[in-house]
Protein backbone atom coordinates (compact mmCIF):
# COMPACT_ATOMS: atom_id res chain seq x y z
CA UNK A 1 70.33 -116.73 -23.71
CA UNK A 2 69.99 -113.84 -21.29
CA UNK A 3 66.57 -112.30 -20.77
CA UNK A 4 66.33 -108.55 -20.40
CA UNK A 5 64.48 -107.62 -17.24
CA UNK A 6 63.08 -104.43 -18.86
CA UNK A 7 61.45 -106.50 -21.60
CA UNK A 8 59.85 -108.79 -19.02
CA UNK A 9 58.45 -105.84 -17.03
CA UNK A 10 57.05 -104.23 -20.18
CA UNK A 11 55.33 -107.41 -21.35
CA UNK A 12 53.61 -107.82 -17.97
CA UNK A 13 52.25 -104.23 -17.87
CA UNK A 14 48.71 -103.52 -19.18
CA UNK A 15 48.47 -101.98 -22.61
CA UNK A 16 46.80 -98.62 -23.32
CA UNK A 17 43.71 -100.37 -24.72
CA UNK A 18 43.15 -102.56 -21.64
CA UNK A 19 40.75 -101.67 -18.82
CA UNK A 20 43.42 -102.50 -16.24
CA UNK A 21 45.39 -99.42 -17.22
CA UNK A 22 44.63 -96.67 -14.62
CA UNK A 23 44.94 -93.93 -17.21
CA UNK A 24 42.55 -95.78 -19.52
CA UNK A 25 40.02 -96.17 -16.74
CA UNK A 26 40.30 -92.51 -15.78
CA UNK A 27 39.83 -91.39 -19.38
CA UNK A 28 36.90 -93.76 -19.84
CA UNK A 29 35.29 -92.45 -16.66
CA UNK A 30 35.73 -88.87 -17.85
CA UNK A 31 34.33 -89.70 -21.29
CA UNK A 32 31.33 -91.46 -19.74
CA UNK A 33 30.55 -88.33 -17.70
CA UNK A 34 30.57 -86.11 -20.78
CA UNK A 35 28.63 -88.70 -22.79
CA UNK A 36 26.00 -88.96 -20.05
CA UNK A 37 25.74 -85.17 -19.89
CA UNK A 38 25.20 -85.01 -23.66
CA UNK A 39 22.48 -87.67 -23.43
CA UNK A 40 20.80 -85.78 -20.58
CA UNK A 41 20.78 -82.54 -22.59
CA UNK A 42 19.36 -84.37 -25.62
CA UNK A 43 16.62 -85.94 -23.49
CA UNK A 44 15.73 -82.56 -22.00
CA UNK A 45 15.43 -81.06 -25.49
CA UNK A 46 13.29 -83.95 -26.74
CA UNK A 47 11.10 -84.15 -23.62
CA UNK A 48 10.81 -80.44 -22.86
CA UNK A 49 7.02 -80.30 -23.25
CA UNK A 50 6.34 -83.20 -20.82
CA UNK A 51 8.88 -81.70 -18.41
CA UNK A 52 7.08 -78.35 -18.56
CA UNK A 53 3.78 -80.12 -17.85
CA UNK A 54 5.37 -81.80 -14.83
CA UNK A 55 6.71 -78.45 -13.62
CA UNK A 56 3.24 -76.94 -14.11
CA UNK A 57 1.93 -79.76 -11.92
CA UNK A 58 4.46 -78.75 -9.25
CA UNK A 59 3.22 -75.17 -9.53
CA UNK A 60 -0.34 -76.38 -8.94
CA UNK A 61 0.90 -78.47 -6.01
CA UNK A 62 2.52 -75.37 -4.50
CA UNK A 63 -0.77 -73.49 -4.79
CA UNK A 64 -2.70 -76.31 -3.12
CA UNK A 65 -0.04 -76.71 -0.43
CA UNK A 66 -0.08 -72.98 0.28
CA UNK A 67 -3.85 -72.99 0.66
CA UNK A 68 -3.66 -76.04 2.90
CA UNK A 69 -1.07 -74.41 5.15
CA UNK A 70 -3.14 -71.23 5.34
CA UNK A 71 -6.26 -73.11 6.43
CA UNK A 72 -4.31 -75.09 9.03
CA UNK A 73 -2.98 -71.87 10.52
CA UNK A 74 -6.53 -70.71 11.12
CA UNK A 75 -8.13 -74.05 11.99
CA UNK A 76 -6.01 -76.90 13.44
CA UNK A 77 -7.36 -79.76 11.31
CA UNK A 78 -5.58 -82.71 9.64
CA UNK A 79 -3.71 -81.99 6.43
CA UNK A 80 -5.87 -84.26 4.30
CA UNK A 81 -9.06 -82.56 5.45
CA UNK A 82 -7.56 -79.11 4.81
CA UNK A 83 -6.47 -80.12 1.30
CA UNK A 84 -9.96 -81.48 0.60
CA UNK A 85 -11.44 -78.19 1.77
CA UNK A 86 -9.12 -76.27 -0.58
CA UNK A 87 -10.15 -78.44 -3.53
CA UNK A 88 -13.83 -77.99 -2.72
CA UNK A 89 -13.41 -74.21 -2.50
CA UNK A 90 -11.62 -74.10 -5.86
CA UNK A 91 -14.28 -76.28 -7.53
CA UNK A 92 -17.07 -74.20 -6.00
CA UNK A 93 -15.46 -70.95 -7.18
CA UNK A 94 -14.88 -72.12 -10.75
CA UNK A 95 -18.26 -73.79 -10.96
CA UNK A 96 -20.02 -70.72 -9.59
CA UNK A 97 -18.30 -68.40 -12.07
CA UNK A 98 -19.15 -70.67 -15.00
CA UNK A 99 -22.74 -71.14 -13.84
CA UNK A 100 -23.41 -67.45 -13.21
CA UNK A 101 -21.53 -65.94 -16.13
CA UNK A 102 -20.87 -68.81 -18.55
CA UNK A 103 -23.38 -67.75 -21.19
CA UNK A 104 -22.39 -64.10 -20.90
CA UNK A 105 -18.68 -64.95 -21.19
CA UNK A 106 -19.25 -67.06 -24.32
CA UNK A 107 -21.27 -64.29 -25.98
CA UNK A 108 -18.71 -61.64 -25.04
CA UNK A 109 -15.87 -63.82 -26.37
CA UNK A 110 -17.44 -63.93 -29.82
CA UNK A 111 -18.17 -60.23 -29.63
CA UNK A 112 -14.55 -59.56 -28.63
CA UNK A 113 -13.26 -61.46 -31.66
CA UNK A 114 -15.47 -59.50 -34.04
CA UNK A 115 -14.53 -56.20 -32.38
CA UNK A 116 -10.81 -56.88 -32.67
CA UNK A 117 -11.13 -57.82 -36.33
CA UNK A 118 -13.03 -54.59 -37.02
CA UNK A 119 -10.45 -52.52 -35.19
CA UNK A 120 -7.62 -54.22 -37.09
CA UNK A 121 -9.25 -53.36 -40.42
CA UNK A 122 -9.70 -49.73 -39.33
CA UNK A 123 -6.06 -49.54 -38.27
CA UNK A 124 -4.89 -50.96 -41.59
CA UNK A 125 -6.94 -48.42 -43.53
CA UNK A 126 -5.61 -45.56 -41.38
CA UNK A 127 -2.00 -46.65 -41.89
CA UNK A 128 -2.62 -47.06 -45.61
CA UNK A 129 -3.99 -43.53 -45.81
CA UNK A 130 -0.85 -42.21 -44.09
CA UNK A 131 1.38 -44.09 -46.50
CA UNK A 132 3.02 -46.11 -43.74
CA UNK A 133 1.64 -49.38 -45.08
CA UNK A 134 1.04 -49.13 -48.83
CA UNK A 135 -0.46 -52.60 -49.06
CA UNK A 136 -3.28 -52.98 -46.61
CA UNK A 137 -3.55 -56.69 -47.28
CA UNK A 138 -0.17 -57.32 -45.68
CA UNK A 139 -1.19 -55.56 -42.48
CA UNK A 140 -4.51 -57.37 -42.43
CA UNK A 141 -2.68 -60.68 -42.75
CA UNK A 142 -0.44 -59.77 -39.82
CA UNK A 143 -3.47 -58.66 -37.83
CA UNK A 144 -5.22 -61.95 -38.50
CA UNK A 145 -2.15 -63.83 -37.29
CA UNK A 146 -2.05 -61.72 -34.14
CA UNK A 147 -5.77 -62.21 -33.63
CA UNK A 148 -5.25 -65.93 -33.97
CA UNK A 149 -3.30 -65.96 -30.70
CA UNK A 150 -5.99 -63.85 -29.05
CA UNK A 151 -8.55 -66.24 -30.38
CA UNK A 152 -6.66 -69.10 -28.77
CA UNK A 153 -6.69 -67.29 -25.45
CA UNK A 154 -10.44 -66.62 -25.62
CA UNK A 155 -11.13 -70.17 -26.75
CA UNK A 156 -9.12 -71.42 -23.80
CA UNK A 157 -11.23 -69.27 -21.48
CA UNK A 158 -14.37 -70.73 -23.07
CA UNK A 159 -13.13 -74.28 -22.49
CA UNK A 160 -11.02 -75.42 -25.47
CA UNK A 161 -10.98 -79.18 -25.83
CA UNK A 162 -7.47 -79.24 -27.28
CA UNK A 163 -5.76 -78.40 -23.94
CA UNK A 164 -8.18 -80.33 -21.74
CA UNK A 165 -6.06 -83.49 -21.52
CA UNK A 166 -2.89 -81.57 -20.61
CA UNK A 167 -4.78 -79.48 -18.07
CA UNK A 168 -6.19 -82.63 -16.50
CA UNK A 169 -2.71 -84.18 -16.23
CA UNK A 170 -1.35 -81.03 -14.61
CA UNK A 171 -4.14 -81.06 -12.03
CA UNK A 172 -3.64 -84.76 -11.28
CA UNK A 173 0.13 -84.36 -10.83
CA UNK A 174 -0.36 -81.32 -8.61
CA UNK A 175 -2.98 -83.11 -6.51
CA UNK A 176 -0.85 -86.20 -5.93
CA UNK A 177 2.20 -84.12 -4.98
CA UNK A 178 0.13 -81.91 -2.67
CA UNK A 179 -1.37 -84.94 -0.88
CA UNK A 180 2.02 -86.17 0.37
CA UNK A 181 4.86 -83.78 -0.54
CA UNK A 182 7.32 -85.35 1.90
CA UNK A 183 7.26 -88.58 -0.09
CA UNK A 184 8.57 -86.85 -3.22
CA UNK A 185 11.05 -84.76 -1.23
CA UNK A 186 12.55 -87.93 0.23
CA UNK A 187 12.72 -89.40 -3.26
CA UNK A 188 14.65 -86.41 -4.56
CA UNK A 189 17.00 -86.51 -1.55
CA UNK A 190 17.64 -90.20 -2.17
CA UNK A 191 19.04 -89.33 -5.62
CA UNK A 192 21.68 -87.05 -4.04
CA UNK A 193 24.90 -88.34 -2.41
CA UNK A 194 24.58 -88.96 1.32
CA UNK A 195 27.00 -86.23 2.30
CA UNK A 196 24.98 -83.58 0.44
CA UNK A 197 21.46 -84.61 1.46
CA UNK A 198 21.15 -82.26 4.42
CA UNK A 199 22.11 -79.21 2.38
CA UNK A 200 19.91 -80.37 -0.49
CA UNK A 201 16.96 -80.67 1.91
CA UNK A 202 17.49 -77.05 2.99
CA UNK A 203 17.60 -75.94 -0.66
CA UNK A 204 14.37 -77.83 -1.42
CA UNK A 205 12.64 -76.26 1.59
CA UNK A 206 13.65 -72.77 0.48
CA UNK A 207 12.53 -73.45 -3.08
CA UNK A 208 9.16 -74.72 -1.87
CA UNK A 209 8.61 -71.72 0.38
CA UNK A 210 9.63 -69.28 -2.36
CA UNK A 211 7.27 -70.96 -4.80
CA UNK A 212 4.36 -70.81 -2.35
CA UNK A 213 4.87 -67.14 -1.54
CA UNK A 214 5.46 -66.21 -5.19
CA UNK A 215 2.29 -67.96 -6.35
CA UNK A 216 0.26 -66.58 -3.46
CA UNK A 217 1.29 -63.08 -4.49
CA UNK A 218 0.49 -63.85 -8.10
CA UNK A 219 -2.98 -65.11 -7.21
CA UNK A 220 -3.61 -62.01 -5.11
CA UNK A 221 -2.53 -59.81 -8.00
CA UNK A 222 -4.68 -61.75 -10.47
CA UNK A 223 -7.79 -61.46 -8.32
CA UNK A 224 -7.17 -57.77 -7.66
CA UNK A 225 -6.53 -56.83 -11.29
CA UNK A 226 -9.41 -58.88 -12.65
CA UNK A 227 -11.99 -57.67 -10.13
CA UNK A 228 -10.98 -53.99 -10.18
CA UNK A 229 -10.78 -53.95 -13.99
CA UNK A 230 -14.25 -55.46 -14.28
CA UNK A 231 -15.77 -52.98 -11.82
CA UNK A 232 -14.12 -49.88 -13.30
CA UNK A 233 -14.84 -50.85 -16.91
CA UNK A 234 -18.48 -51.51 -16.02
CA UNK A 235 -18.76 -48.09 -14.38
CA UNK A 236 -17.11 -46.41 -17.40
CA UNK A 237 -19.53 -48.13 -19.78
CA UNK A 238 -16.89 -50.11 -21.70
CA UNK A 239 -18.42 -53.16 -23.44
CA UNK A 240 -17.48 -56.71 -22.45
CA UNK A 241 -16.26 -55.57 -19.04
CA UNK A 242 -16.68 -59.01 -17.46
CA UNK A 243 -14.66 -60.83 -20.12
CA UNK A 244 -11.97 -58.15 -20.11
CA UNK A 245 -11.72 -58.43 -16.33
CA UNK A 246 -11.33 -62.21 -16.52
CA UNK A 247 -8.72 -61.96 -19.28
CA UNK A 248 -6.83 -59.28 -17.33
CA UNK A 249 -6.80 -61.45 -14.22
CA UNK A 250 -5.57 -64.52 -16.09
CA UNK A 251 -2.93 -62.62 -18.05
CA UNK A 252 -1.68 -61.08 -14.79
CA UNK A 253 -0.03 -64.45 -14.09
CA UNK A 254 2.50 -63.45 -16.79
CA UNK A 255 4.13 -60.21 -15.55
CA UNK A 256 4.79 -57.32 -17.97
CA UNK A 257 3.81 -59.13 -21.17
CA UNK A 258 0.38 -60.16 -19.85
CA UNK A 259 -0.31 -56.59 -18.73
CA UNK A 260 0.59 -55.27 -22.20
CA UNK A 261 -1.75 -57.74 -23.93
CA UNK A 262 -4.64 -56.96 -21.58
CA UNK A 263 -4.05 -53.22 -22.13
CA UNK A 264 -4.24 -53.62 -25.92
CA UNK A 265 -7.50 -55.56 -25.58
CA UNK A 266 -9.06 -52.96 -23.26
CA UNK A 267 -8.10 -50.00 -25.45
CA UNK A 268 -9.30 -51.70 -28.64
CA UNK A 269 -12.68 -52.58 -27.12
CA UNK A 270 -13.02 -49.15 -25.51
CA UNK A 271 -12.48 -47.23 -28.76
CA UNK A 272 -14.88 -49.57 -30.57
CA UNK A 273 -17.65 -48.14 -28.37
CA UNK A 274 -16.54 -44.53 -28.72
CA UNK A 275 -13.70 -42.09 -27.96
CA UNK A 276 -14.95 -41.46 -24.43
CA UNK A 277 -14.98 -45.16 -23.56
CA UNK A 278 -11.56 -45.56 -25.19
CA UNK A 279 -10.05 -42.79 -23.09
CA UNK A 280 -11.62 -44.26 -19.95
CA UNK A 281 -10.14 -47.66 -20.86
CA UNK A 282 -6.67 -46.08 -21.12
CA UNK A 283 -7.09 -44.33 -17.76
CA UNK A 284 -8.33 -47.50 -16.06
CA UNK A 285 -5.48 -49.53 -17.50
CA UNK A 286 -2.81 -47.11 -16.23
CA UNK A 287 -4.46 -46.76 -12.80
CA UNK A 288 -4.69 -50.52 -12.25
CA UNK A 289 -1.20 -51.26 -13.58
CA UNK A 290 0.46 -48.45 -11.63
CA UNK A 291 -1.17 -49.55 -8.39
CA UNK A 292 -0.18 -53.14 -9.09
CA UNK A 293 3.36 -52.23 -10.10
CA UNK A 294 4.18 -49.65 -7.44
CA UNK A 295 2.15 -50.90 -4.45
CA UNK A 296 1.14 -54.54 -4.75
CA UNK A 297 4.17 -56.09 -6.47
CA UNK A 298 6.76 -54.41 -4.19
CA UNK A 299 4.91 -55.78 -1.18
CA UNK A 300 4.98 -59.24 -2.74
CA UNK A 301 8.62 -58.96 -3.78
CA UNK A 302 9.55 -57.95 -0.24
CA UNK A 303 8.61 -61.41 1.01
CA UNK A 304 9.73 -63.47 -1.99
CA UNK A 305 12.28 -63.46 -4.82
CA UNK A 306 12.81 -59.88 -5.97
CA UNK A 307 13.65 -60.27 -9.67
CA UNK A 308 14.55 -57.26 -11.82
CA UNK A 309 12.00 -56.43 -14.56
CA UNK A 310 14.63 -56.74 -17.32
CA UNK A 311 15.50 -60.26 -16.13
CA UNK A 312 11.82 -61.22 -16.02
CA UNK A 313 11.09 -59.94 -19.54
CA UNK A 314 14.25 -61.51 -20.98
CA UNK A 315 13.44 -64.89 -19.47
CA UNK A 316 9.88 -64.68 -20.79
CA UNK A 317 11.09 -63.87 -24.31
CA UNK A 318 13.56 -66.76 -24.30
CA UNK A 319 11.09 -69.22 -22.78
CA UNK A 320 8.29 -68.27 -25.17
CA UNK A 321 10.63 -68.57 -28.16
CA UNK A 322 11.94 -71.97 -27.09
CA UNK A 323 8.90 -73.57 -25.47
CA UNK A 324 5.83 -71.63 -26.61
CA UNK A 325 2.97 -70.34 -24.47
CA UNK A 326 3.60 -72.86 -21.68
CA UNK A 327 7.19 -71.69 -21.37
CA UNK A 328 6.02 -68.08 -21.28
CA UNK A 329 3.60 -68.83 -18.43
CA UNK A 330 6.19 -70.77 -16.40
CA UNK A 331 9.23 -68.58 -17.09
CA UNK A 332 8.93 -66.57 -13.90
CA UNK A 333 8.68 -69.55 -11.48
CA UNK A 334 11.55 -71.31 -13.28
CA UNK A 335 13.83 -68.27 -12.98
CA UNK A 336 12.83 -67.87 -9.32
CA UNK A 337 13.83 -71.47 -8.58
CA UNK A 338 17.14 -71.04 -10.41
CA UNK A 339 17.85 -67.89 -8.44
CA UNK A 340 17.12 -69.60 -5.12
CA UNK A 341 19.41 -72.48 -6.08
CA UNK A 342 22.25 -70.12 -7.04
CA UNK A 343 21.84 -68.11 -3.85
CA UNK A 344 21.93 -71.31 -1.82
CA UNK A 345 25.06 -72.45 -3.68
CA UNK A 346 26.75 -69.12 -2.95
CA UNK A 347 25.80 -69.44 0.70
CA UNK A 348 27.30 -72.92 0.90
CA UNK A 349 30.49 -71.66 -0.74
CA UNK A 350 30.70 -68.85 1.79
CA UNK A 351 30.17 -71.28 4.66
CA UNK A 352 32.92 -73.53 3.31
CA UNK A 353 35.33 -70.62 3.10
CA UNK A 354 35.61 -70.63 -0.69
CA UNK A 355 36.59 -67.28 -2.09
CA UNK A 356 38.16 -65.93 1.10
CA UNK A 357 41.66 -64.47 0.79
CA UNK A 358 44.54 -66.49 2.26
CA UNK A 359 45.47 -65.98 5.88
CA UNK A 360 48.75 -64.34 4.94
CA UNK A 361 46.93 -61.82 2.75
CA UNK A 362 44.44 -61.04 5.50
CA UNK A 363 47.30 -60.57 7.94
CA UNK A 364 49.02 -58.13 5.60
CA UNK A 365 45.77 -56.26 5.05
CA UNK A 366 45.34 -55.54 8.74
CA UNK A 367 46.25 -52.02 9.77
CA UNK A 368 49.36 -51.75 11.89
CA UNK A 369 48.84 -51.71 15.61
CA UNK A 370 49.88 -48.43 17.15
CA UNK A 371 51.65 -48.94 20.44
CA UNK A 372 51.24 -46.42 23.17
CA UNK A 373 54.30 -44.74 24.49
CA UNK A 374 55.02 -45.32 28.08
CA UNK A 375 54.46 -42.24 30.16
CA UNK A 376 57.64 -40.95 31.82
CA UNK A 377 57.66 -41.54 35.53
CA UNK A 378 58.67 -38.86 37.90
């Protein structure tokens, strides 16, 4: 009986369900990539709050590292000693503020809550009289919900115990990263393929520098807004000037939205004392914000990531909707890091020649060379 050679070759080839089939292995490899990507996205969604806390720790580490570098520029001392000096200065500043103004801040926080509730009731009655809000109870309920968020902010300023554990973890993570940042940079580079580690190191260095400069500018703006607001409100006779200055300085960390919230607080407290104080609060708010927006922020943006205001507000809205208050506070640094990474990727693509027109196209695009006529000889 003759044996067909085609049948023998077919029986010795791997089937489509065997791992020896090259197509099967390629498809399985492709499916594993997509499956791993889906798992990574699911883990990010489930672990977004811990990831935001870790990123907040990196933000704190950037602040400490920036202060350490600044001290070492002035005084050539070891890095560990400079970092210790930065920590001692921060502890001394916070402790001094709490010791000197702690009782006054606590009393003004309670007074601020009562003042905002009174102003909300007055506003509801005024709108009811105009017929805009027929049921005053609905507006009062909305006002109480809005005041609940303000109450959370003031309770956080007074030392809320609910966020103490998270705050402590953020500080610890930031401190450990700031002590030896090169250790964690090498760890991140180790996770990247060998051929891409040099470029990844450049991207990390640019991200770190951008973060330091961005946060240094933010801290400068926070101190300026808080101090100037406190001084001007005290001169104008607006109540709770110290607490309003502290809240304005803290909320300045969140651009645009933080300024709007601090402005609402200042105007509400100002008009609770009288129309003159309310008008002065409005004037002070616009003076401080215009100087910060047209003088201070452009100087900061000149040396760091210059992000459009619409992009900043949009990212803050999305981050606050998805991740809450922590996402709102960290939206700007996150977008800045993404922008640096995209710019670096574009730079690498340009260096590799991606996106350039073909040589034949470039040759056709060149203008024709005009040849000079030879001058007639006598």
